[in-house]
PDB file of N, CA and C in Angstrom:
ATOM      1  N   MET A   1     -24.213  52.048 104.261  1.00  0.00           N
ATOM      2  CA  MET A   1     -23.056  52.842 104.617  1.00  0.00           C
ATOM      3  C   MET A   1     -22.623  53.713 103.448  1.00  0.00           C
ATOM      4  N   ALA A   2     -21.854  53.168 102.535  1.00  0.00           N
ATOM      5  CA  ALA A   2     -21.301  53.965 101.446  1.00  0.00           C
ATOM      6  C   ALA A   2     -22.061  53.758 100.147  1.00  0.00           C
ATOM      7  N   ASN A   3     -23.252  53.203 100.198  1.00  0.00           N
ATOM      8  CA  ASN A   3     -23.989  52.898  98.974  1.00  0.00           C
ATOM      9  C   ASN A   3     -24.405  54.132  98.195  1.00  0.00           C
ATOM     10  N   GLU A   4     -24.505  55.287  98.829  1.00  0.00           N
ATOM     11  CA  GLU A   4     -24.914  56.481  98.110  1.00  0.00           C
ATOM     12  C   GLU A   4     -23.768  57.113  97.335  1.00  0.00           C
ATOM     13  N   TYR A   5     -22.563  56.580  97.450  1.00  0.00           N
ATOM     14  CA  TYR A   5     -21.400  57.114  96.758  1.00  0.00           C
ATOM     15  C   TYR A   5     -21.070  56.271  95.531  1.00  0.00           C
ATOM     16  N   ALA A   6     -20.378  56.879  94.579  1.00  0.00           N
ATOM     17  CA  ALA A   6     -19.982  56.172  93.361  1.00  0.00           C
ATOM     18  C   ALA A   6     -18.936  55.113  93.692  1.00  0.00           C
ATOM     19  N   SER A   7     -19.005  53.986  92.992  1.00  0.00           N
ATOM     20  CA  SER A   7     -18.055  52.910  93.261  1.00  0.00           C
ATOM     21  C   SER A   7     -17.269  52.543  92.004  1.00  0.00           C
ATOM     22  N   THR A   8     -16.101  51.934  92.228  1.00  0.00           N
ATOM     23  CA  THR A   8     -15.216  51.478  91.168  1.00  0.00           C
ATOM     24  C   THR A   8     -14.738  50.084  91.511  1.00  0.00           C
ATOM     25  N   THR A   9     -14.673  49.195  90.518  1.00  0.00           N
ATOM     26  CA  THR A   9     -14.121  47.866  90.757  1.00  0.00           C
ATOM     27  C   THR A   9     -12.608  47.984  90.820  1.00  0.00           C
ATOM     28  N   VAL A  10     -12.031  47.519  91.928  1.00  0.00           N
ATOM     29  CA  VAL A  10     -10.598  47.632  92.148  1.00  0.00           C
ATOM     30  C   VAL A  10      -9.886  46.323  91.826  1.00  0.00           C
ATOM     31  N   GLU A  11     -10.478  45.223  92.238  1.00  0.00           N
ATOM     32  CA  GLU A  11      -9.833  43.919  92.067  1.00  0.00           C
ATOM     33  C   GLU A  11     -10.912  42.871  91.845  1.00  0.00           C
ATOM     34  N   ARG A  12     -10.680  41.974  90.919  1.00  0.00           N
ATOM     35  CA  ARG A  12     -11.639  40.913  90.626  1.00  0.00           C
ATOM     36  C   ARG A  12     -10.966  39.567  90.784  1.00  0.00           C
ATOM     37  N   ASP A  13     -11.633  38.637  91.467  1.00  0.00           N
ATOM     38  CA  ASP A  13     -11.127  37.283  91.641  1.00  0.00           C
ATOM     39  C   ASP A  13     -12.126  36.322  90.996  1.00  0.00           C
ATOM     40  N   PRO A  14     -11.837  35.833  89.779  1.00  0.00           N
ATOM     41  CA  PRO A  14     -12.803  34.982  89.087  1.00  0.00           C
ATOM     42  C   PRO A  14     -12.992  33.621  89.753  1.00  0.00           C
ATOM     43  N   PHE A  15     -11.996  33.139  90.475  1.00  0.00           N
ATOM     44  CA  PHE A  15     -12.125  31.839  91.137  1.00  0.00           C
ATOM     45  C   PHE A  15     -13.021  31.927  92.366  1.00  0.00           C
ATOM     46  N   ALA A  16     -12.970  33.032  93.078  1.00  0.00           N
ATOM     47  CA  ALA A  16     -13.845  33.238  94.229  1.00  0.00           C
ATOM     48  C   ALA A  16     -15.185  33.834  93.798  1.00  0.00           C
ATOM     49  N   ARG A  17     -15.288  34.173  92.517  1.00  0.00           N
ATOM     50  CA  ARG A  17     -16.492  34.766  91.943  1.00  0.00           C
ATOM     51  C   ARG A  17     -16.924  36.016  92.694  1.00  0.00           C
ATOM     52  N   GLY A  18     -15.982  36.935  92.821  1.00  0.00           N
ATOM     53  CA  GLY A  18     -16.300  38.180  93.490  1.00  0.00           C
ATOM     54  C   GLY A  18     -15.326  39.275  93.124  1.00  0.00           C
ATOM     55  N   GLU A  19     -15.583  40.447  93.675  1.00  0.00           N
ATOM     56  CA  GLU A  19     -14.719  41.586  93.382  1.00  0.00           C
ATOM     57  C   GLU A  19     -14.713  42.557  94.563  1.00  0.00           C
ATOM     58  N   TYR A  20     -13.610  43.301  94.658  1.00  0.00           N
ATOM     59  CA  TYR A  20     -13.525  44.395  95.611  1.00  0.00           C
ATOM     60  C   TYR A  20     -13.985  45.650  94.909  1.00  0.00           C
ATOM     61  N   ARG A  21     -14.875  46.383  95.541  1.00  0.00           N
ATOM     62  CA  ARG A  21     -15.339  47.658  95.018  1.00  0.00           C
ATOM     63  C   ARG A  21     -14.896  48.756  95.967  1.00  0.00           C
ATOM     64  N   ARG A  22     -14.493  49.874  95.394  1.00  0.00           N
ATOM     65  CA  ARG A  22     -14.029  51.011  96.186  1.00  0.00           C
ATOM     66  C   ARG A  22     -15.046  52.144  96.086  1.00  0.00           C
ATOM     67  N   PHE A  23     -15.462  52.644  97.220  1.00  0.00           N
ATOM     68  CA  PHE A  23     -16.378  53.774  97.285  1.00  0.00           C
ATOM     69  C   PHE A  23     -15.596  55.012  97.679  1.00  0.00           C
ATOM     70  N   THR A  24     -15.780  56.083  96.932  1.00  0.00           N
ATOM     71  CA  THR A  24     -15.116  57.349  97.225  1.00  0.00           C
ATOM     72  C   THR A  24     -15.999  58.145  98.177  1.00  0.00           C
ATOM     73  N   ILE A  25     -15.406  58.569  99.288  1.00  0.00           N
ATOM     74  CA  ILE A  25     -16.136  59.319 100.301  1.00  0.00           C
ATOM     75  C   ILE A  25     -15.508  60.698 100.421  1.00  0.00           C
ATOM     76  N   PRO A  26     -16.251  61.760 100.095  1.00  0.00           N
ATOM     77  CA  PRO A  26     -15.680  63.105 100.188  1.00  0.00           C
ATOM     78  C   PRO A  26     -15.367  63.474 101.639  1.00  0.00           C
ATOM     79  N   ASN A  27     -14.283  64.182 101.816  1.00  0.00           N
ATOM     80  CA  ASN A  27     -13.848  64.596 103.149  1.00  0.00           C
ATOM     81  C   ASN A  27     -13.412  66.060 103.070  1.00  0.00           C
ATOM     82  N   GLY A  28     -14.276  66.902 102.545  1.00  0.00           N
ATOM     83  CA  GLY A  28     -13.928  68.298 102.292  1.00  0.00           C
ATOM     84  C   GLY A  28     -13.528  69.081 103.524  1.00  0.00           C
ATOM     85  N   ASP A  29     -14.181  68.825 104.641  1.00  0.00           N
ATOM     86  CA  ASP A  29     -13.856  69.584 105.854  1.00  0.00           C
ATOM     87  C   ASP A  29     -12.698  68.979 106.632  1.00  0.00           C
ATOM     88  N   GLY A  30     -12.228  67.796 106.246  1.00  0.00           N
ATOM     89  CA  GLY A  30     -11.058  67.188 106.871  1.00  0.00           C
ATOM     90  C   GLY A  30     -11.286  66.640 108.266  1.00  0.00           C
ATOM     91  N   ARG A  31     -12.505  66.319 108.611  1.00  0.00           N
ATOM     92  CA  ARG A  31     -12.801  65.819 109.962  1.00  0.00           C
ATOM     93  C   ARG A  31     -12.484  64.344 110.145  1.00  0.00           C
ATOM     94  N   GLU A  32     -12.521  63.587 109.051  1.00  0.00           N
ATOM     95  CA  GLU A  32     -12.241  62.155 109.156  1.00  0.00           C
ATOM     96  C   GLU A  32     -10.825  61.877 108.691  1.00  0.00           C
ATOM     97  N   SER A  33     -10.249  60.804 109.203  1.00  0.00           N
ATOM     98  CA  SER A  33      -8.876  60.472 108.841  1.00  0.00           C
ATOM     99  C   SER A  33      -8.768  59.006 108.453  1.00  0.00           C
ATOM    100  N   CYS A  34      -7.672  58.675 107.805  1.00  0.00           N
ATOM    101  CA  CYS A  34      -7.374  57.302 107.399  1.00  0.00           C
ATOM    102  C   CYS A  34      -7.210  56.446 108.661  1.00  0.00           C
ATOM    103  N   ASP A  35      -7.807  55.252 108.650  1.00  0.00           N
ATOM    104  CA  ASP A  35      -7.728  54.376 109.826  1.00  0.00           C
ATOM    105  C   ASP A  35      -6.346  53.766 110.017  1.00  0.00           C
ATOM    106  N   TRP A  36      -5.490  53.828 109.004  1.00  0.00           N
ATOM    107  CA  TRP A  36      -4.150  53.259 109.136  1.00  0.00           C
ATOM    108  C   TRP A  36      -3.096  54.321 109.428  1.00  0.00           C
ATOM    109  N   CYS A  37      -2.982  55.337 108.576  1.00  0.00           N
ATOM    110  CA  CYS A  37      -1.877  56.293 108.715  1.00  0.00           C
ATOM    111  C   CYS A  37      -2.280  57.585 109.429  1.00  0.00           C
ATOM    112  N   GLY A  38      -3.574  57.851 109.549  1.00  0.00           N
ATOM    113  CA  GLY A  38      -4.029  59.033 110.264  1.00  0.00           C
ATOM    114  C   GLY A  38      -4.089  60.301 109.436  1.00  0.00           C
ATOM    115  N   GLN A  39      -3.734  60.245 108.155  1.00  0.00           N
ATOM    116  CA  GLN A  39      -3.820  61.425 107.304  1.00  0.00           C
ATOM    117  C   GLN A  39      -5.285  61.804 107.098  1.00  0.00           C
ATOM    118  N   SER A  40      -5.502  63.057 106.764  1.00  0.00           N
ATOM    119  CA  SER A  40      -6.851  63.547 106.531  1.00  0.00           C
ATOM    120  C   SER A  40      -6.952  64.154 105.129  1.00  0.00           C
ATOM    121  N   PRO A  41      -6.999  63.316 104.084  1.00  0.00           N
ATOM    122  CA  PRO A  41      -7.046  63.825 102.709  1.00  0.00           C
ATOM    123  C   PRO A  41      -8.446  64.321 102.345  1.00  0.00           C
ATOM    124  N   ARG A  42      -8.568  64.903 101.165  1.00  0.00           N
ATOM    125  CA  ARG A  42      -9.870  65.400 100.706  1.00  0.00           C
ATOM    126  C   ARG A  42     -10.823  64.268 100.339  1.00  0.00           C
ATOM    127  N   ARG A  43     -10.267  63.081  99.996  1.00  0.00           N
ATOM    128  CA  ARG A  43     -11.086  61.908  99.677  1.00  0.00           C
ATOM    129  C   ARG A  43     -10.607  60.713 100.488  1.00  0.00           C
ATOM    130  N   LEU A  44     -11.553  59.982 101.022  1.00  0.00           N
ATOM    131  CA  LEU A  44     -11.259  58.708 101.675  1.00  0.00           C
ATOM    132  C   LEU A  44     -11.960  57.615 100.876  1.00  0.00           C
ATOM    133  N   TYR A  45     -11.494  56.388 101.048  1.00  0.00           N
ATOM    134  CA  TYR A  45     -12.067  55.263 100.327  1.00  0.00           C
ATOM    135  C   TYR A  45     -12.496  54.175 101.293  1.00  0.00           C
ATOM    136  N   SER A  46     -13.649  53.596 101.004  1.00  0.00           N
ATOM    137  CA  SER A  46     -14.158  52.459 101.746  1.00  0.00           C
ATOM    138  C   SER A  46     -14.260  51.304 100.760  1.00  0.00           C
ATOM    139  N   TYR A  47     -13.953  50.091 101.198  1.00  0.00           N
ATOM    140  CA  TYR A  47     -13.924  48.935 100.305  1.00  0.00           C
ATOM    141  C   TYR A  47     -14.996  47.923 100.691  1.00  0.00           C
ATOM    142  N   VAL A  48     -15.547  47.251  99.680  1.00  0.00           N
ATOM    143  CA  VAL A  48     -16.600  46.258  99.877  1.00  0.00           C
ATOM    144  C   VAL A  48     -16.260  45.035  99.032  1.00  0.00           C
ATOM    145  N   TRP A  49     -16.381  43.835  99.624  1.00  0.00           N
ATOM    146  CA  TRP A  49     -16.247  42.595  98.862  1.00  0.00           C
ATOM    147  C   TRP A  49     -17.647  42.182  98.441  1.00  0.00           C
ATOM    148  N   GLU A  50     -17.816  41.969  97.132  1.00  0.00           N
ATOM    149  CA  GLU A  50     -19.136  41.644  96.593  1.00  0.00           C
ATOM    150  C   GLU A  50     -19.049  40.367  95.782  1.00  0.00           C
ATOM    151  N   ASN A  51     -19.789  39.330  96.194  1.00  0.00           N
ATOM    152  CA  ASN A  51     -19.851  38.077  95.446  1.00  0.00           C
ATOM    153  C   ASN A  51     -20.803  38.227  94.279  1.00  0.00           C
ATOM    154  N   ASP A  52     -20.505  37.562  93.192  1.00  0.00           N
ATOM    155  CA  ASP A  52     -21.425  37.603  92.054  1.00  0.00           C
ATOM    156  C   ASP A  52     -22.126  36.266  91.863  1.00  0.00           C
ATOM    157  N   GLY A  53     -22.145  35.459  92.909  1.00  0.00           N
ATOM    158  CA  GLY A  53     -22.839  34.181  92.851  1.00  0.00           C
ATOM    159  C   GLY A  53     -24.339  34.369  92.945  1.00  0.00           C
ATOM    160  N   SER A  54     -25.055  33.280  92.954  1.00  0.00           N
ATOM    161  CA  SER A  54     -26.512  33.353  92.987  1.00  0.00           C
ATOM    162  C   SER A  54     -27.020  33.901  94.326  1.00  0.00           C
ATOM    163  N   TRP A  55     -26.191  33.859  95.378  1.00  0.00           N
ATOM    164  CA  TRP A  55     -26.632  34.342  96.696  1.00  0.00           C
ATOM    165  C   TRP A  55     -26.188  35.766  96.968  1.00  0.00           C
ATOM    166  N   LYS A  56     -25.477  36.413  96.054  1.00  0.00           N
ATOM    167  CA  LYS A  56     -25.141  37.846  96.074  1.00  0.00           C
ATOM    168  C   LYS A  56     -24.852  38.375  97.490  1.00  0.00           C
ATOM    169  N   ARG A  57     -23.712  38.002  98.016  1.00  0.00           N
ATOM    170  CA  ARG A  57     -23.318  38.421  99.359  1.00  0.00           C
ATOM    171  C   ARG A  57     -22.402  39.637  99.281  1.00  0.00           C
ATOM    172  N   VAL A  58     -22.676  40.650 100.088  1.00  0.00           N
ATOM    173  CA  VAL A  58     -21.866  41.860 100.143  1.00  0.00           C
ATOM    174  C   VAL A  58     -21.286  41.981 101.551  1.00  0.00           C
ATOM    175  N   VAL A  59     -19.948  42.106 101.636  1.00  0.00           N
ATOM    176  CA  VAL A  59     -19.275  42.225 102.927  1.00  0.00           C
ATOM    177  C   VAL A  59     -18.624  43.609 102.997  1.00  0.00           C
ATOM    178  N   PRO A  60     -19.250  44.545 103.721  1.00  0.00           N
ATOM    179  CA  PRO A  60     -18.676  45.891 103.798  1.00  0.00           C
ATOM    180  C   PRO A  60     -17.490  45.955 104.751  1.00  0.00           C
ATOM    181  N   ASP A  61     -16.596  46.860 104.478  1.00  0.00           N
ATOM    182  CA  ASP A  61     -15.458  47.127 105.348  1.00  0.00           C
ATOM    183  C   ASP A  61     -15.722  48.478 105.994  1.00  0.00           C
ATOM    184  N   ARG A  62     -15.871  48.518 107.285  1.00  0.00           N
ATOM    185  CA  ARG A  62     -16.261  49.744 107.981  1.00  0.00           C
ATOM    186  C   ARG A  62     -15.124  50.756 108.110  1.00  0.00           C
ATOM    187  N   HIS A  63     -13.932  50.368 107.714  1.00  0.00           N
ATOM    188  CA  HIS A  63     -12.776  51.265 107.828  1.00  0.00           C
ATOM    189  C   HIS A  63     -12.664  52.145 106.598  1.00  0.00           C
ATOM    190  N   ARG A  64     -12.049  53.306 106.782  1.00  0.00           N
ATOM    191  CA  ARG A  64     -11.822  54.234 105.677  1.00  0.00           C
ATOM    192  C   ARG A  64     -10.328  54.481 105.532  1.00  0.00           C
ATOM    193  N   PHE A  65      -9.875  54.449 104.276  1.00  0.00           N
ATOM    194  CA  PHE A  65      -8.452  54.570 104.004  1.00  0.00           C
ATOM    195  C   PHE A  65      -8.199  55.654 102.972  1.00  0.00           C
ATOM    196  N   CYS A  66      -6.958  56.204 102.981  1.00  0.00           N
ATOM    197  CA  CYS A  66      -6.630  57.248 102.009  1.00  0.00           C
ATOM    198  C   CYS A  66      -6.186  56.641 100.677  1.00  0.00           C
ATOM    199  N   ASN A  67      -5.733  55.382 100.652  1.00  0.00           N
ATOM    200  CA  ASN A  67      -5.379  54.710  99.400  1.00  0.00           C
ATOM    201  C   ASN A  67      -5.332  53.198  99.617  1.00  0.00           C
ATOM    202  N   ALA A  68      -5.110  52.456  98.533  1.00  0.00           N
ATOM    203  CA  ALA A  68      -5.110  50.994  98.600  1.00  0.00           C
ATOM    204  C   ALA A  68      -3.928  50.457  99.409  1.00  0.00           C
ATOM    205  N   ASP A  69      -2.790  51.158  99.400  1.00  0.00           N
ATOM    206  CA  ASP A  69      -1.627  50.704 100.175  1.00  0.00           C
ATOM    207  C   ASP A  69      -1.917  50.725 101.680  1.00  0.00           C
ATOM    208  N   CYS A  70      -2.601  51.743 102.136  1.00  0.00           N
ATOM    209  CA  CYS A  70      -2.969  51.799 103.566  1.00  0.00           C
ATOM    210  C   CYS A  70      -3.925  50.654 103.908  1.00  0.00           C
ATOM    211  N   ARG A  71      -4.845  50.347 103.017  1.00  0.00           N
ATOM    212  CA  ARG A  71      -5.763  49.243 103.263  1.00  0.00           C
ATOM    213  C   ARG A  71      -5.014  47.913 103.332  1.00  0.00           C
ATOM    214  N   ARG A  72      -4.088  47.700 102.395  1.00  0.00           N
ATOM    215  CA  ARG A  72      -3.298  46.469 102.373  1.00  0.00           C
ATOM    216  C   ARG A  72      -2.454  46.339 103.644  1.00  0.00           C
ATOM    217  N   SER A  73      -1.813  47.430 104.049  1.00  0.00           N
ATOM    218  CA  SER A  73      -0.987  47.416 105.259  1.00  0.00           C
ATOM    219  C   SER A  73      -1.831  47.159 106.498  1.00  0.00           C
ATOM    220  N   TYR A  74      -2.998  47.720 106.555  1.00  0.00           N
ATOM    221  CA  TYR A  74      -3.900  47.531 107.695  1.00  0.00           C
ATOM    222  C   TYR A  74      -4.345  46.081 107.811  1.00  0.00           C
ATOM    223  N   ARG A  75      -4.595  45.446 106.672  1.00  0.00           N
ATOM    224  CA  ARG A  75      -5.097  44.060 106.660  1.00  0.00           C
ATOM    225  C   ARG A  75      -3.994  43.023 106.897  1.00  0.00           C
ATOM    226  N   GLU A  76      -2.747  43.356 106.620  1.00  0.00           N
ATOM    227  CA  GLU A  76      -1.662  42.363 106.763  1.00  0.00           C
ATOM    228  C   GLU A  76      -1.043  42.376 108.116  1.00  0.00           C
TER     229      GLU A  76
END
C-alpha cells in the first residue's frame, strides 16, 4: 500500500515492542479526503503498526487521515 512513500516513526511502545509509523501520501490534485473529517489537504497520512519482535508483524491501517488528531478521534 504505502510502502513506496517515506515513513516517520510517530510513537514507540517499548513494552509492546513495536511502533507506529506514518507514511506521507501526496494529494496534489485533491481527489482524496481524510476518512474522519472529510478535508482534502495536500498531504494525507497513513499509519502502520510494526512489531520489532523476531516475527516482524506489520499491521497496515487502510484509512487516510489529514493529521494524528483525526486518526485518534476516528479510533476512539
